[in-house]
Amino acid sequence: MKDFWNRHQGTIAALLLFAAAALVVIYVIAVFGGAIMRLFGFRYNSVGSIFLFFVLATIVSFPISQFAEALPRVLLFHYGNLSRRAAIALARRKRRAAAGTLGYRAVGRGGASGGPVQAL
């Protein structure tokens, strides 16, 4: 056991540090989210209960969102409604949308962005 700890001490420390940082971020989001939700009538008994709510919501929502995002593309491709090339294009479009670019670029001069917007 001591040999295992000596070999993996850095990795374990990094994982614990990452977990602590993630919990701090979730805690801050929970406090601000709880304050905003309180304006709309949401009541909670303690900051710990709202923190637990946000931690559980984060843990549960991640696999559900991954499944919900992949299911339409898989079904469209599986049933032949979408070609392989179109499925890849759809995946790229979704990644661009998530990154905030939406697949558009500014072209020419003038306007706030330097010109009219043109689809790629």
PDB file of N, CA and C in Angstrom:
ATOM      1  N   MET A   1       0.823  -1.187   0.000  1.00  0.00           N
ATOM      2  CA  MET A   1       0.000   0.000   0.000  1.00  0.00           C
ATOM      3  C   MET A   1       0.873   1.260   0.000  1.00  0.00           C
ATOM      4  N   LYS A   2       1.961   1.206   0.787  1.00  0.00           N
ATOM      5  CA  LYS A   2       2.848   2.349   0.844  1.00  0.00           C
ATOM      6  C   LYS A   2       3.519   2.574  -0.510  1.00  0.00           C
ATOM      7  N   ASP A   3       3.850   1.486  -1.190  1.00  0.00           N
ATOM      8  CA  ASP A   3       4.441   1.592  -2.517  1.00  0.00           C
ATOM      9  C   ASP A   3       3.451   2.219  -3.505  1.00  0.00           C
ATOM     10  N   PHE A   4       2.181   1.821  -3.412  1.00  0.00           N
ATOM     11  CA  PHE A   4       1.143   2.393  -4.273  1.00  0.00           C
ATOM     12  C   PHE A   4       1.025   3.893  -4.023  1.00  0.00           C
ATOM     13  N   TRP A   5       0.993   4.307  -2.758  1.00  0.00           N
ATOM     14  CA  TRP A   5       0.876   5.720  -2.425  1.00  0.00           C
ATOM     15  C   TRP A   5       2.067   6.507  -2.949  1.00  0.00           C
ATOM     16  N   ASN A   6       3.264   5.957  -2.814  1.00  0.00           N
ATOM     17  CA  ASN A   6       4.459   6.651  -3.291  1.00  0.00           C
ATOM     18  C   ASN A   6       4.463   6.812  -4.810  1.00  0.00           C
ATOM     19  N   ARG A   7       3.964   5.795  -5.525  1.00  0.00           N
ATOM     20  CA  ARG A   7       3.941   5.874  -6.993  1.00  0.00           C
ATOM     21  C   ARG A   7       2.874   6.830  -7.503  1.00  0.00           C
ATOM     22  N   HIS A   8       1.739   6.906  -6.819  1.00  0.00           N
ATOM     23  CA  HIS A   8       0.594   7.674  -7.319  1.00  0.00           C
ATOM     24  C   HIS A   8       0.272   8.892  -6.469  1.00  0.00           C
ATOM     25  N   GLN A   9       1.195   9.337  -5.668  1.00  0.00           N
ATOM     26  CA  GLN A   9       0.944  10.452  -4.767  1.00  0.00           C
ATOM     27  C   GLN A   9       0.586  11.730  -5.541  1.00  0.00           C
ATOM     28  N   GLY A  10       1.307  12.033  -6.585  1.00  0.00           N
ATOM     29  CA  GLY A  10       1.034  13.225  -7.382  1.00  0.00           C
ATOM     30  C   GLY A  10      -0.313  13.170  -8.075  1.00  0.00           C
ATOM     31  N   THR A  11      -0.642  12.013  -8.624  1.00  0.00           N
ATOM     32  CA  THR A  11      -1.928  11.854  -9.312  1.00  0.00           C
ATOM     33  C   THR A  11      -3.087  11.998  -8.341  1.00  0.00           C
ATOM     34  N   ILE A  12      -2.985  11.373  -7.193  1.00  0.00           N
ATOM     35  CA  ILE A  12      -4.054  11.446  -6.201  1.00  0.00           C
ATOM     36  C   ILE A  12      -4.212  12.875  -5.696  1.00  0.00           C
ATOM     37  N   ALA A  13      -3.100  13.550  -5.449  1.00  0.00           N
ATOM     38  CA  ALA A  13      -3.164  14.937  -4.992  1.00  0.00           C
ATOM     39  C   ALA A  13      -3.805  15.832  -6.055  1.00  0.00           C
ATOM     40  N   ALA A  14      -3.461  15.620  -7.325  1.00  0.00           N
ATOM     41  CA  ALA A  14      -4.046  16.418  -8.407  1.00  0.00           C
ATOM     42  C   ALA A  14      -5.543  16.162  -8.522  1.00  0.00           C
ATOM     43  N   LEU A  15      -5.966  14.906  -8.402  1.00  0.00           N
ATOM     44  CA  LEU A  15      -7.393  14.592  -8.460  1.00  0.00           C
ATOM     45  C   LEU A  15      -8.151  15.217  -7.302  1.00  0.00           C
ATOM     46  N   LEU A  16      -7.583  15.172  -6.109  1.00  0.00           N
ATOM     47  CA  LEU A  16      -8.231  15.791  -4.949  1.00  0.00           C
ATOM     48  C   LEU A  16      -8.309  17.306  -5.108  1.00  0.00           C
ATOM     49  N   LEU A  17      -7.266  17.908  -5.657  1.00  0.00           N
ATOM     50  CA  LEU A  17      -7.277  19.346  -5.894  1.00  0.00           C
ATOM     51  C   LEU A  17      -8.320  19.722  -6.944  1.00  0.00           C
ATOM     52  N   PHE A  18      -8.402  18.938  -8.005  1.00  0.00           N
ATOM     53  CA  PHE A  18      -9.404  19.180  -9.046  1.00  0.00           C
ATOM     54  C   PHE A  18     -10.814  19.032  -8.485  1.00  0.00           C
ATOM     55  N   ALA A  19     -11.038  17.992  -7.681  1.00  0.00           N
ATOM     56  CA  ALA A  19     -12.360  17.774  -7.085  1.00  0.00           C
ATOM     57  C   ALA A  19     -12.728  18.920  -6.156  1.00  0.00           C
ATOM     58  N   ALA A  20     -11.765  19.399  -5.379  1.00  0.00           N
ATOM     59  CA  ALA A  20     -12.038  20.521  -4.483  1.00  0.00           C
ATOM     60  C   ALA A  20     -12.365  21.790  -5.271  1.00  0.00           C
ATOM     61  N   ALA A  21     -11.634  22.037  -6.358  1.00  0.00           N
ATOM     62  CA  ALA A  21     -11.902  23.211  -7.197  1.00  0.00           C
ATOM     63  C   ALA A  21     -13.283  23.111  -7.847  1.00  0.00           C
ATOM     64  N   ALA A  22     -13.637  21.916  -8.314  1.00  0.00           N
ATOM     65  CA  ALA A  22     -14.953  21.724  -8.928  1.00  0.00           C
ATOM     66  C   ALA A  22     -16.061  21.954  -7.903  1.00  0.00           C
ATOM     67  N   LEU A  23     -15.870  21.488  -6.689  1.00  0.00           N
ATOM     68  CA  LEU A  23     -16.873  21.700  -5.647  1.00  0.00           C
ATOM     69  C   LEU A  23     -17.002  23.177  -5.285  1.00  0.00           C
ATOM     70  N   VAL A  24     -15.903  23.903  -5.288  1.00  0.00           N
ATOM     71  CA  VAL A  24     -15.963  25.341  -5.019  1.00  0.00           C
ATOM     72  C   VAL A  24     -16.743  26.056  -6.122  1.00  0.00           C
ATOM     73  N   VAL A  25     -16.492  25.696  -7.370  1.00  0.00           N
ATOM     74  CA  VAL A  25     -17.221  26.308  -8.487  1.00  0.00           C
ATOM     75  C   VAL A  25     -18.714  25.994  -8.384  1.00  0.00           C
ATOM     76  N   ILE A  26     -19.052  24.751  -8.099  1.00  0.00           N
ATOM     77  CA  ILE A  26     -20.465  24.380  -7.956  1.00  0.00           C
ATOM     78  C   ILE A  26     -21.083  25.109  -6.766  1.00  0.00           C
ATOM     79  N   TYR A  27     -20.317  25.288  -5.695  1.00  0.00           N
ATOM     80  CA  TYR A  27     -20.824  25.994  -4.518  1.00  0.00           C
ATOM     81  C   TYR A  27     -21.155  27.444  -4.858  1.00  0.00           C
ATOM     82  N   VAL A  28     -20.264  28.104  -5.584  1.00  0.00           N
ATOM     83  CA  VAL A  28     -20.512  29.503  -5.971  1.00  0.00           C
ATOM     84  C   VAL A  28     -21.735  29.593  -6.879  1.00  0.00           C
ATOM     85  N   ILE A  29     -21.831  28.689  -7.844  1.00  0.00           N
ATOM     86  CA  ILE A  29     -23.000  28.665  -8.735  1.00  0.00           C
ATOM     87  C   ILE A  29     -24.263  28.397  -7.929  1.00  0.00           C
ATOM     88  N   ALA A  30     -24.193  27.509  -6.956  1.00  0.00           N
ATOM     89  CA  ALA A  30     -25.355  27.190  -6.134  1.00  0.00           C
ATOM     90  C   ALA A  30     -25.798  28.388  -5.314  1.00  0.00           C
ATOM     91  N   VAL A  31     -24.868  29.117  -4.755  1.00  0.00           N
ATOM     92  CA  VAL A  31     -25.232  30.286  -3.939  1.00  0.00           C
ATOM     93  C   VAL A  31     -25.886  31.352  -4.809  1.00  0.00           C
ATOM     94  N   PHE A  32     -25.269  31.677  -5.952  1.00  0.00           N
ATOM     95  CA  PHE A  32     -25.873  32.675  -6.839  1.00  0.00           C
ATOM     96  C   PHE A  32     -27.177  32.167  -7.448  1.00  0.00           C
ATOM     97  N   GLY A  33     -27.200  30.898  -7.850  1.00  0.00           N
ATOM     98  CA  GLY A  33     -28.427  30.325  -8.398  1.00  0.00           C
ATOM     99  C   GLY A  33     -29.537  30.295  -7.371  1.00  0.00           C
ATOM    100  N   GLY A  34     -29.199  29.956  -6.133  1.00  0.00           N
ATOM    101  CA  GLY A  34     -30.198  29.962  -5.060  1.00  0.00           C
ATOM    102  C   GLY A  34     -30.733  31.348  -4.788  1.00  0.00           C
ATOM    103  N   ALA A  35     -29.860  32.359  -4.857  1.00  0.00           N
ATOM    104  CA  ALA A  35     -30.309  33.741  -4.643  1.00  0.00           C
ATOM    105  C   ALA A  35     -31.271  34.175  -5.744  1.00  0.00           C
ATOM    106  N   ILE A  36     -30.953  33.819  -6.977  1.00  0.00           N
ATOM    107  CA  ILE A  36     -31.839  34.172  -8.088  1.00  0.00           C
ATOM    108  C   ILE A  36     -33.144  33.389  -7.994  1.00  0.00           C
ATOM    109  N   MET A  37     -33.048  32.103  -7.665  1.00  0.00           N
ATOM    110  CA  MET A  37     -34.257  31.288  -7.560  1.00  0.00           C
ATOM    111  C   MET A  37     -35.143  31.769  -6.403  1.00  0.00           C
ATOM    112  N   ARG A  38     -34.539  32.321  -5.367  1.00  0.00           N
ATOM    113  CA  ARG A  38     -35.312  32.839  -4.235  1.00  0.00           C
ATOM    114  C   ARG A  38     -36.185  34.016  -4.669  1.00  0.00           C
ATOM    115  N   LEU A  39     -35.683  34.800  -5.621  1.00  0.00           N
ATOM    116  CA  LEU A  39     -36.482  35.909  -6.150  1.00  0.00           C
ATOM    117  C   LEU A  39     -37.771  35.415  -6.805  1.00  0.00           C
ATOM    118  N   PHE A  40     -37.722  34.196  -7.348  1.00  0.00           N
ATOM    119  CA  PHE A  40     -38.892  33.630  -8.013  1.00  0.00           C
ATOM    120  C   PHE A  40     -39.718  32.730  -7.099  1.00  0.00           C
ATOM    121  N   GLY A  41     -39.415  32.730  -5.792  1.00  0.00           N
ATOM    122  CA  GLY A  41     -40.241  32.005  -4.851  1.00  0.00           C
ATOM    123  C   GLY A  41     -39.702  30.668  -4.386  1.00  0.00           C
ATOM    124  N   PHE A  42     -38.542  30.246  -4.866  1.00  0.00           N
ATOM    125  CA  PHE A  42     -37.950  28.988  -4.428  1.00  0.00           C
ATOM    126  C   PHE A  42     -37.419  29.164  -3.018  1.00  0.00           C
ATOM    127  N   ARG A  43     -37.768  28.233  -2.121  1.00  0.00           N
ATOM    128  CA  ARG A  43     -37.320  28.305  -0.728  1.00  0.00           C
ATOM    129  C   ARG A  43     -36.465  27.097  -0.396  1.00  0.00           C
ATOM    130  N   TYR A  44     -35.445  27.302   0.404  1.00  0.00           N
ATOM    131  CA  TYR A  44     -34.599  26.211   0.848  1.00  0.00           C
ATOM    132  C   TYR A  44     -34.244  26.416   2.312  1.00  0.00           C
ATOM    133  N   ASN A  45     -33.897  25.327   3.002  1.00  0.00           N
ATOM    134  CA  ASN A  45     -33.629  25.382   4.433  1.00  0.00           C
ATOM    135  C   ASN A  45     -32.222  25.864   4.758  1.00  0.00           C
ATOM    136  N   SER A  46     -31.253  25.532   3.923  1.00  0.00           N
ATOM    137  CA  SER A  46     -29.875  25.929   4.185  1.00  0.00           C
ATOM    138  C   SER A  46     -29.116  26.018   2.876  1.00  0.00           C
ATOM    139  N   VAL A  47     -27.950  26.630   2.940  1.00  0.00           N
ATOM    140  CA  VAL A  47     -27.097  26.715   1.754  1.00  0.00           C
ATOM    141  C   VAL A  47     -26.617  25.312   1.381  1.00  0.00           C
ATOM    142  N   GLY A  48     -26.445  24.454   2.378  1.00  0.00           N
ATOM    143  CA  GLY A  48     -26.030  23.073   2.110  1.00  0.00           C
ATOM    144  C   GLY A  48     -27.051  22.311   1.284  1.00  0.00           C
ATOM    145  N   SER A  49     -28.340  22.553   1.535  1.00  0.00           N
ATOM    146  CA  SER A  49     -29.366  21.842   0.765  1.00  0.00           C
ATOM    147  C   SER A  49     -29.402  22.304  -0.687  1.00  0.00           C
ATOM    148  N   ILE A  50     -29.216  23.609  -0.921  1.00  0.00           N
ATOM    149  CA  ILE A  50     -29.197  24.089  -2.306  1.00  0.00           C
ATOM    150  C   ILE A  50     -27.920  23.623  -3.003  1.00  0.00           C
ATOM    151  N   PHE A  51     -26.805  23.544  -2.265  1.00  0.00           N
ATOM    152  CA  PHE A  51     -25.561  23.016  -2.816  1.00  0.00           C
ATOM    153  C   PHE A  51     -25.735  21.555  -3.215  1.00  0.00           C
ATOM    154  N   LEU A  52     -26.358  20.761  -2.351  1.00  0.00           N
ATOM    155  CA  LEU A  52     -26.604  19.359  -2.656  1.00  0.00           C
ATOM    156  C   LEU A  52     -27.509  19.218  -3.880  1.00  0.00           C
ATOM    157  N   PHE A  53     -28.509  20.085  -3.990  1.00  0.00           N
ATOM    158  CA  PHE A  53     -29.395  20.063  -5.155  1.00  0.00           C
ATOM    159  C   PHE A  53     -28.602  20.296  -6.441  1.00  0.00           C
ATOM    160  N   PHE A  54     -27.722  21.296  -6.454  1.00  0.00           N
ATOM    161  CA  PHE A  54     -26.958  21.596  -7.658  1.00  0.00           C
ATOM    162  C   PHE A  54     -25.940  20.497  -7.967  1.00  0.00           C
ATOM    163  N   VAL A  55     -25.329  19.907  -6.942  1.00  0.00           N
ATOM    164  CA  VAL A  55     -24.387  18.812  -7.179  1.00  0.00           C
ATOM    165  C   VAL A  55     -25.110  17.622  -7.801  1.00  0.00           C
ATOM    166  N   LEU A  56     -26.247  17.246  -7.234  1.00  0.00           N
ATOM    167  CA  LEU A  56     -27.002  16.109  -7.780  1.00  0.00           C
ATOM    168  C   LEU A  56     -27.531  16.410  -9.181  1.00  0.00           C
ATOM    169  N   ALA A  57     -27.994  17.642  -9.398  1.00  0.00           N
ATOM    170  CA  ALA A  57     -28.481  18.009 -10.730  1.00  0.00           C
ATOM    171  C   ALA A  57     -27.364  17.944 -11.763  1.00  0.00           C
ATOM    172  N   THR A  58     -26.163  18.353 -11.381  1.00  0.00           N
ATOM    173  CA  THR A  58     -25.013  18.292 -12.295  1.00  0.00           C
ATOM    174  C   THR A  58     -24.653  16.854 -12.622  1.00  0.00           C
ATOM    175  N   ILE A  59     -24.617  16.009 -11.594  1.00  0.00           N
ATOM    176  CA  ILE A  59     -24.251  14.604 -11.803  1.00  0.00           C
ATOM    177  C   ILE A  59     -25.282  13.886 -12.661  1.00  0.00           C
ATOM    178  N   VAL A  60     -26.552  14.132 -12.415  1.00  0.00           N
ATOM    179  CA  VAL A  60     -27.616  13.439 -13.148  1.00  0.00           C
ATOM    180  C   VAL A  60     -27.771  13.987 -14.564  1.00  0.00           C
ATOM    181  N   SER A  61     -27.596  15.291 -14.736  1.00  0.00           N
ATOM    182  CA  SER A  61     -27.855  15.887 -16.050  1.00  0.00           C
ATOM    183  C   SER A  61     -26.799  15.548 -17.091  1.00  0.00           C
ATOM    184  N   PHE A  62     -25.561  15.293 -16.690  1.00  0.00           N
ATOM    185  CA  PHE A  62     -24.510  15.051 -17.679  1.00  0.00           C
ATOM    186  C   PHE A  62     -24.773  13.819 -18.539  1.00  0.00           C
ATOM    187  N   PRO A  63     -24.991  12.619 -17.960  1.00  0.00           N
ATOM    188  CA  PRO A  63     -25.240  11.472 -18.835  1.00  0.00           C
ATOM    189  C   PRO A  63     -26.550  11.586 -19.611  1.00  0.00           C
ATOM    190  N   ILE A  64     -27.549  12.211 -19.013  1.00  0.00           N
ATOM    191  CA  ILE A  64     -28.827  12.374 -19.715  1.00  0.00           C
ATOM    192  C   ILE A  64     -28.661  13.299 -20.917  1.00  0.00           C
ATOM    193  N   SER A  65     -27.911  14.384 -20.760  1.00  0.00           N
ATOM    194  CA  SER A  65     -27.720  15.303 -21.881  1.00  0.00           C
ATOM    195  C   SER A  65     -26.883  14.664 -22.987  1.00  0.00           C
ATOM    196  N   GLN A  66     -25.888  13.857 -22.618  1.00  0.00           N
ATOM    197  CA  GLN A  66     -25.090  13.167 -23.628  1.00  0.00           C
ATOM    198  C   GLN A  66     -25.952  12.204 -24.441  1.00  0.00           C
ATOM    199  N   PHE A  67     -26.802  11.461 -23.756  1.00  0.00           N
ATOM    200  CA  PHE A  67     -27.692  10.518 -24.425  1.00  0.00           C
ATOM    201  C   PHE A  67     -28.695  11.256 -25.306  1.00  0.00           C
ATOM    202  N   ALA A  68     -29.290  12.322 -24.778  1.00  0.00           N
ATOM    203  CA  ALA A  68     -30.294  13.072 -25.536  1.00  0.00           C
ATOM    204  C   ALA A  68     -29.691  13.769 -26.749  1.00  0.00           C
ATOM    205  N   GLU A  69     -28.434  14.152 -26.664  1.00  0.00           N
ATOM    206  CA  GLU A  69     -27.782  14.803 -27.800  1.00  0.00           C
ATOM    207  C   GLU A  69     -27.439  13.803 -28.894  1.00  0.00           C
ATOM    208  N   ALA A  70     -27.049  12.601 -28.523  1.00  0.00           N
ATOM    209  CA  ALA A  70     -26.617  11.613 -29.515  1.00  0.00           C
ATOM    210  C   ALA A  70     -27.776  10.840 -30.136  1.00  0.00           C
ATOM    211  N   LEU A  71     -28.857  10.662 -29.415  1.00  0.00           N
ATOM    212  CA  LEU A  71     -29.954   9.815 -29.883  1.00  0.00           C
ATOM    213  C   LEU A  71     -30.548  10.254 -31.223  1.00  0.00           C
ATOM    214  N   PRO A  72     -30.890  11.518 -31.441  1.00  0.00           N
ATOM    215  CA  PRO A  72     -31.467  11.885 -32.739  1.00  0.00           C
ATOM    216  C   PRO A  72     -30.539  11.602 -33.915  1.00  0.00           C
ATOM    217  N   ARG A  73     -29.246  11.882 -33.752  1.00  0.00           N
ATOM    218  CA  ARG A  73     -28.312  11.635 -34.842  1.00  0.00           C
ATOM    219  C   ARG A  73     -28.189  10.148 -35.136  1.00  0.00           C
ATOM    220  N   VAL A  74     -28.155   9.335 -34.092  1.00  0.00           N
ATOM    221  CA  VAL A  74     -28.042   7.887 -34.282  1.00  0.00           C
ATOM    222  C   VAL A  74     -29.277   7.352 -34.991  1.00  0.00           C
ATOM    223  N   LEU A  75     -30.449   7.786 -34.547  1.00  0.00           N
ATOM    224  CA  LEU A  75     -31.681   7.301 -35.168  1.00  0.00           C
ATOM    225  C   LEU A  75     -31.804   7.763 -36.616  1.00  0.00           C
ATOM    226  N   LEU A  76     -31.466   9.013 -36.884  1.00  0.00           N
ATOM    227  CA  LEU A  76     -31.541   9.503 -38.264  1.00  0.00           C
ATOM    228  C   LEU A  76     -30.591   8.736 -39.171  1.00  0.00           C
ATOM    229  N   PHE A  77     -29.392   8.486 -38.699  1.00  0.00           N
ATOM    230  CA  PHE A  77     -28.413   7.761 -39.509  1.00  0.00           C
ATOM    231  C   PHE A  77     -28.805   6.297 -39.643  1.00  0.00           C
ATOM    232  N   HIS A  78     -29.284   5.684 -38.562  1.00  0.00           N
ATOM    233  CA  HIS A  78     -29.624   4.257 -38.572  1.00  0.00           C
ATOM    234  C   HIS A  78     -30.783   3.961 -39.524  1.00  0.00           C
ATOM    235  N   TYR A  79     -31.789   4.803 -39.544  1.00  0.00           N
ATOM    236  CA  TYR A  79     -32.954   4.548 -40.383  1.00  0.00           C
ATOM    237  C   TYR A  79     -32.804   5.085 -41.796  1.00  0.00           C
ATOM    238  N   GLY A  80     -31.650   5.586 -42.153  1.00  0.00           N
ATOM    239  CA  GLY A  80     -31.386   5.982 -43.531  1.00  0.00           C
ATOM    240  C   GLY A  80     -31.924   7.342 -43.910  1.00  0.00           C
ATOM    241  N   ASN A  81     -32.461   8.078 -42.956  1.00  0.00           N
ATOM    242  CA  ASN A  81     -32.952   9.415 -43.266  1.00  0.00           C
ATOM    243  C   ASN A  81     -31.822  10.417 -43.398  1.00  0.00           C
ATOM    244  N   LEU A  82     -30.640  10.018 -42.989  1.00  0.00           N
ATOM    245  CA  LEU A  82     -29.496  10.901 -42.989  1.00  0.00           C
ATOM    246  C   LEU A  82     -28.288  10.111 -43.489  1.00  0.00           C
ATOM    247  N   SER A  83     -27.613  10.664 -44.479  1.00  0.00           N
ATOM    248  CA  SER A  83     -26.416   9.986 -44.975  1.00  0.00           C
ATOM    249  C   SER A  83     -25.268  10.175 -43.985  1.00  0.00           C
ATOM    250  N   ARG A  84     -24.222   9.400 -44.159  1.00  0.00           N
ATOM    251  CA  ARG A  84     -23.061   9.517 -43.270  1.00  0.00           C
ATOM    252  C   ARG A  84     -22.463  10.920 -43.361  1.00  0.00           C
ATOM    253  N   ARG A  85     -22.390  11.445 -44.567  1.00  0.00           N
ATOM    254  CA  ARG A  85     -21.835  12.787 -44.763  1.00  0.00           C
ATOM    255  C   ARG A  85     -22.691  13.852 -44.075  1.00  0.00           C
ATOM    256  N   ALA A  86     -24.010  13.716 -44.168  1.00  0.00           N
ATOM    257  CA  ALA A  86     -24.899  14.672 -43.513  1.00  0.00           C
ATOM    258  C   ALA A  86     -24.828  14.545 -41.989  1.00  0.00           C
ATOM    259  N   ALA A  87     -24.665  13.328 -41.479  1.00  0.00           N
ATOM    260  CA  ALA A  87     -24.539  13.120 -40.037  1.00  0.00           C
ATOM    261  C   ALA A  87     -23.270  13.793 -39.507  1.00  0.00           C
ATOM    262  N   ILE A  88     -22.182  13.690 -40.258  1.00  0.00           N
ATOM    263  CA  ILE A  88     -20.939  14.342 -39.858  1.00  0.00           C
ATOM    264  C   ILE A  88     -21.098  15.856 -39.907  1.00  0.00           C
ATOM    265  N   ALA A  89     -21.769  16.357 -40.941  1.00  0.00           N
ATOM    266  CA  ALA A  89     -22.003  17.797 -41.051  1.00  0.00           C
ATOM    267  C   ALA A  89     -22.869  18.300 -39.901  1.00  0.00           C
ATOM    268  N   LEU A  90     -23.872  17.517 -39.508  1.00  0.00           N
ATOM    269  CA  LEU A  90     -24.730  17.890 -38.384  1.00  0.00           C
ATOM    270  C   LEU A  90     -23.927  17.945 -37.089  1.00  0.00           C
ATOM    271  N   ALA A  91     -23.040  16.992 -36.896  1.00  0.00           N
ATOM    272  CA  ALA A  91     -22.209  16.980 -35.689  1.00  0.00           C
ATOM    273  C   ALA A  91     -21.286  18.195 -35.667  1.00  0.00           C
ATOM    274  N   ARG A  92     -20.707  18.545 -36.803  1.00  0.00           N
ATOM    275  CA  ARG A  92     -19.840  19.718 -36.862  1.00  0.00           C
ATOM    276  C   ARG A  92     -20.617  20.994 -36.593  1.00  0.00           C
ATOM    277  N   ARG A  93     -21.821  21.077 -37.133  1.00  0.00           N
ATOM    278  CA  ARG A  93     -22.670  22.253 -36.926  1.00  0.00           C
ATOM    279  C   ARG A  93     -23.013  22.420 -35.450  1.00  0.00           C
ATOM    280  N   LYS A  94     -23.300  21.290 -34.782  1.00  0.00           N
ATOM    281  CA  LYS A  94     -23.617  21.355 -33.352  1.00  0.00           C
ATOM    282  C   LYS A  94     -22.407  21.791 -32.541  1.00  0.00           C
ATOM    283  N   ARG A  95     -21.209  21.321 -32.935  1.00  0.00           N
ATOM    284  CA  ARG A  95     -20.004  21.749 -32.220  1.00  0.00           C
ATOM    285  C   ARG A  95     -19.766  23.241 -32.412  1.00  0.00           C
ATOM    286  N   ARG A  96     -19.981  23.737 -33.631  1.00  0.00           N
ATOM    287  CA  ARG A  96     -19.821  25.171 -33.868  1.00  0.00           C
ATOM    288  C   ARG A  96     -20.829  25.973 -33.076  1.00  0.00           C
ATOM    289  N   ALA A  97     -22.056  25.484 -32.995  1.00  0.00           N
ATOM    290  CA  ALA A  97     -23.083  26.185 -32.227  1.00  0.00           C
ATOM    291  C   ALA A  97     -22.714  26.215 -30.754  1.00  0.00           C
ATOM    292  N   ALA A  98     -22.173  25.120 -30.258  1.00  0.00           N
ATOM    293  CA  ALA A  98     -21.757  25.074 -28.861  1.00  0.00           C
ATOM    294  C   ALA A  98     -20.583  26.014 -28.608  1.00  0.00           C
ATOM    295  N   ALA A  99     -19.731  26.183 -29.604  1.00  0.00           N
ATOM    296  CA  ALA A  99     -18.586  27.077 -29.459  1.00  0.00           C
ATOM    297  C   ALA A  99     -18.978  28.536 -29.666  1.00  0.00           C
ATOM    298  N   GLY A 100     -20.188  28.773 -30.171  1.00  0.00           N
ATOM    299  CA  GLY A 100     -20.657  30.140 -30.354  1.00  0.00           C
ATOM    300  C   GLY A 100     -20.423  30.711 -31.732  1.00  0.00           C
ATOM    301  N   THR A 101     -19.852  29.944 -32.663  1.00  0.00           N
ATOM    302  CA  THR A 101     -19.583  30.498 -33.988  1.00  0.00           C
ATOM    303  C   THR A 101     -20.755  30.317 -34.931  1.00  0.00           C
ATOM    304  N   LEU A 102     -21.557  29.286 -34.732  1.00  0.00           N
ATOM    305  CA  LEU A 102     -22.747  28.998 -35.530  1.00  0.00           C
ATOM    306  C   LEU A 102     -22.474  28.845 -37.017  1.00  0.00           C
ATOM    307  N   GLY A 103     -21.230  28.721 -37.401  1.00  0.00           N
ATOM    308  CA  GLY A 103     -20.916  28.469 -38.797  1.00  0.00           C
ATOM    309  C   GLY A 103     -21.042  29.679 -39.689  1.00  0.00           C
ATOM    310  N   TYR A 104     -20.982  30.873 -39.131  1.00  0.00           N
ATOM    311  CA  TYR A 104     -21.084  32.088 -39.914  1.00  0.00           C
ATOM    312  C   TYR A 104     -19.798  32.878 -39.772  1.00  0.00           C
ATOM    313  N   ARG A 105     -19.501  33.677 -40.795  1.00  0.00           N
ATOM    314  CA  ARG A 105     -18.319  34.520 -40.724  1.00  0.00           C
ATOM    315  C   ARG A 105     -18.660  35.881 -41.318  1.00  0.00           C
ATOM    316  N   ALA A 106     -17.922  36.887 -40.898  1.00  0.00           N
ATOM    317  CA  ALA A 106     -18.122  38.238 -41.419  1.00  0.00           C
ATOM    318  C   ALA A 106     -17.370  38.371 -42.734  1.00  0.00           C
ATOM    319  N   VAL A 107     -18.013  39.029 -43.717  1.00  0.00           N
ATOM    320  CA  VAL A 107     -17.422  39.188 -45.035  1.00  0.00           C
ATOM    321  C   VAL A 107     -17.533  40.655 -45.431  1.00  0.00           C
ATOM    322  N   GLY A 108     -16.495  41.190 -46.075  1.00  0.00           N
ATOM    323  CA  GLY A 108     -16.561  42.550 -46.609  1.00  0.00           C
ATOM    324  C   GLY A 108     -16.268  43.612 -45.561  1.00  0.00           C
ATOM    325  N   ARG A 109     -16.675  44.860 -45.864  1.00  0.00           N
ATOM    326  CA  ARG A 109     -16.423  45.991 -44.970  1.00  0.00           C
ATOM    327  C   ARG A 109     -17.741  46.614 -44.548  1.00  0.00           C
ATOM    328  N   GLY A 110     -17.666  47.393 -43.453  1.00  0.00           N
ATOM    329  CA  GLY A 110     -18.850  48.082 -42.959  1.00  0.00           C
ATOM    330  C   GLY A 110     -19.545  47.282 -41.875  1.00  0.00           C
ATOM    331  N   GLY A 111     -20.431  47.935 -41.162  1.00  0.00           N
ATOM    332  CA  GLY A 111     -21.169  47.262 -40.103  1.00  0.00           C
ATOM    333  C   GLY A 111     -20.310  47.050 -38.871  1.00  0.00           C
ATOM    334  N   ALA A 112     -20.915  46.587 -37.817  1.00  0.00           N
ATOM    335  CA  ALA A 112     -20.208  46.387 -36.547  1.00  0.00           C
ATOM    336  C   ALA A 112     -19.154  45.298 -36.660  1.00  0.00           C
ATOM    337  N   SER A 113     -19.420  44.252 -37.449  1.00  0.00           N
ATOM    338  CA  SER A 113     -18.474  43.146 -37.536  1.00  0.00           C
ATOM    339  C   SER A 113     -17.595  43.248 -38.773  1.00  0.00           C
ATOM    340  N   GLY A 114     -17.647  44.342 -39.461  1.00  0.00           N
ATOM    341  CA  GLY A 114     -16.807  44.513 -40.628  1.00  0.00           C
ATOM    342  C   GLY A 114     -17.522  44.178 -41.926  1.00  0.00           C
ATOM    343  N   GLY A 115     -18.797  43.872 -41.884  1.00  0.00           N
ATOM    344  CA  GLY A 115     -19.528  43.599 -43.109  1.00  0.00           C
ATOM    345  C   GLY A 115     -20.702  42.685 -42.878  1.00  0.00           C
ATOM    346  N   PRO A 116     -21.386  42.345 -43.952  1.00  0.00           N
ATOM    347  CA  PRO A 116     -22.551  41.460 -43.802  1.00  0.00           C
ATOM    348  C   PRO A 116     -22.121  40.059 -43.403  1.00  0.00           C
ATOM    349  N   VAL A 117     -23.036  39.348 -42.823  1.00  0.00           N
ATOM    350  CA  VAL A 117     -22.760  37.985 -42.381  1.00  0.00           C
ATOM    351  C   VAL A 117     -23.138  37.024 -43.494  1.00  0.00           C
ATOM    352  N   GLN A 118     -22.266  36.078 -43.764  1.00  0.00           N
ATOM    353  CA  GLN A 118     -22.485  35.121 -44.831  1.00  0.00           C
ATOM    354  C   GLN A 118     -22.338  33.713 -44.268  1.00  0.00           C
ATOM    355  N   ALA A 119     -23.240  32.820 -44.645  1.00  0.00           N
ATOM    356  CA  ALA A 119     -23.166  31.426 -44.183  1.00  0.00           C
ATOM    357  C   ALA A 119     -21.976  30.736 -44.823  1.00  0.00           C
ATOM    358  N   LEU A 120     -21.343  29.842 -44.044  1.00  0.00           N
ATOM    359  CA  LEU A 120     -20.208  29.087 -44.590  1.00  0.00           C
ATOM    360  C   LEU A 120     -20.676  27.999 -45.516  1.00  0.00           C
TER     361      LEU A 120
END
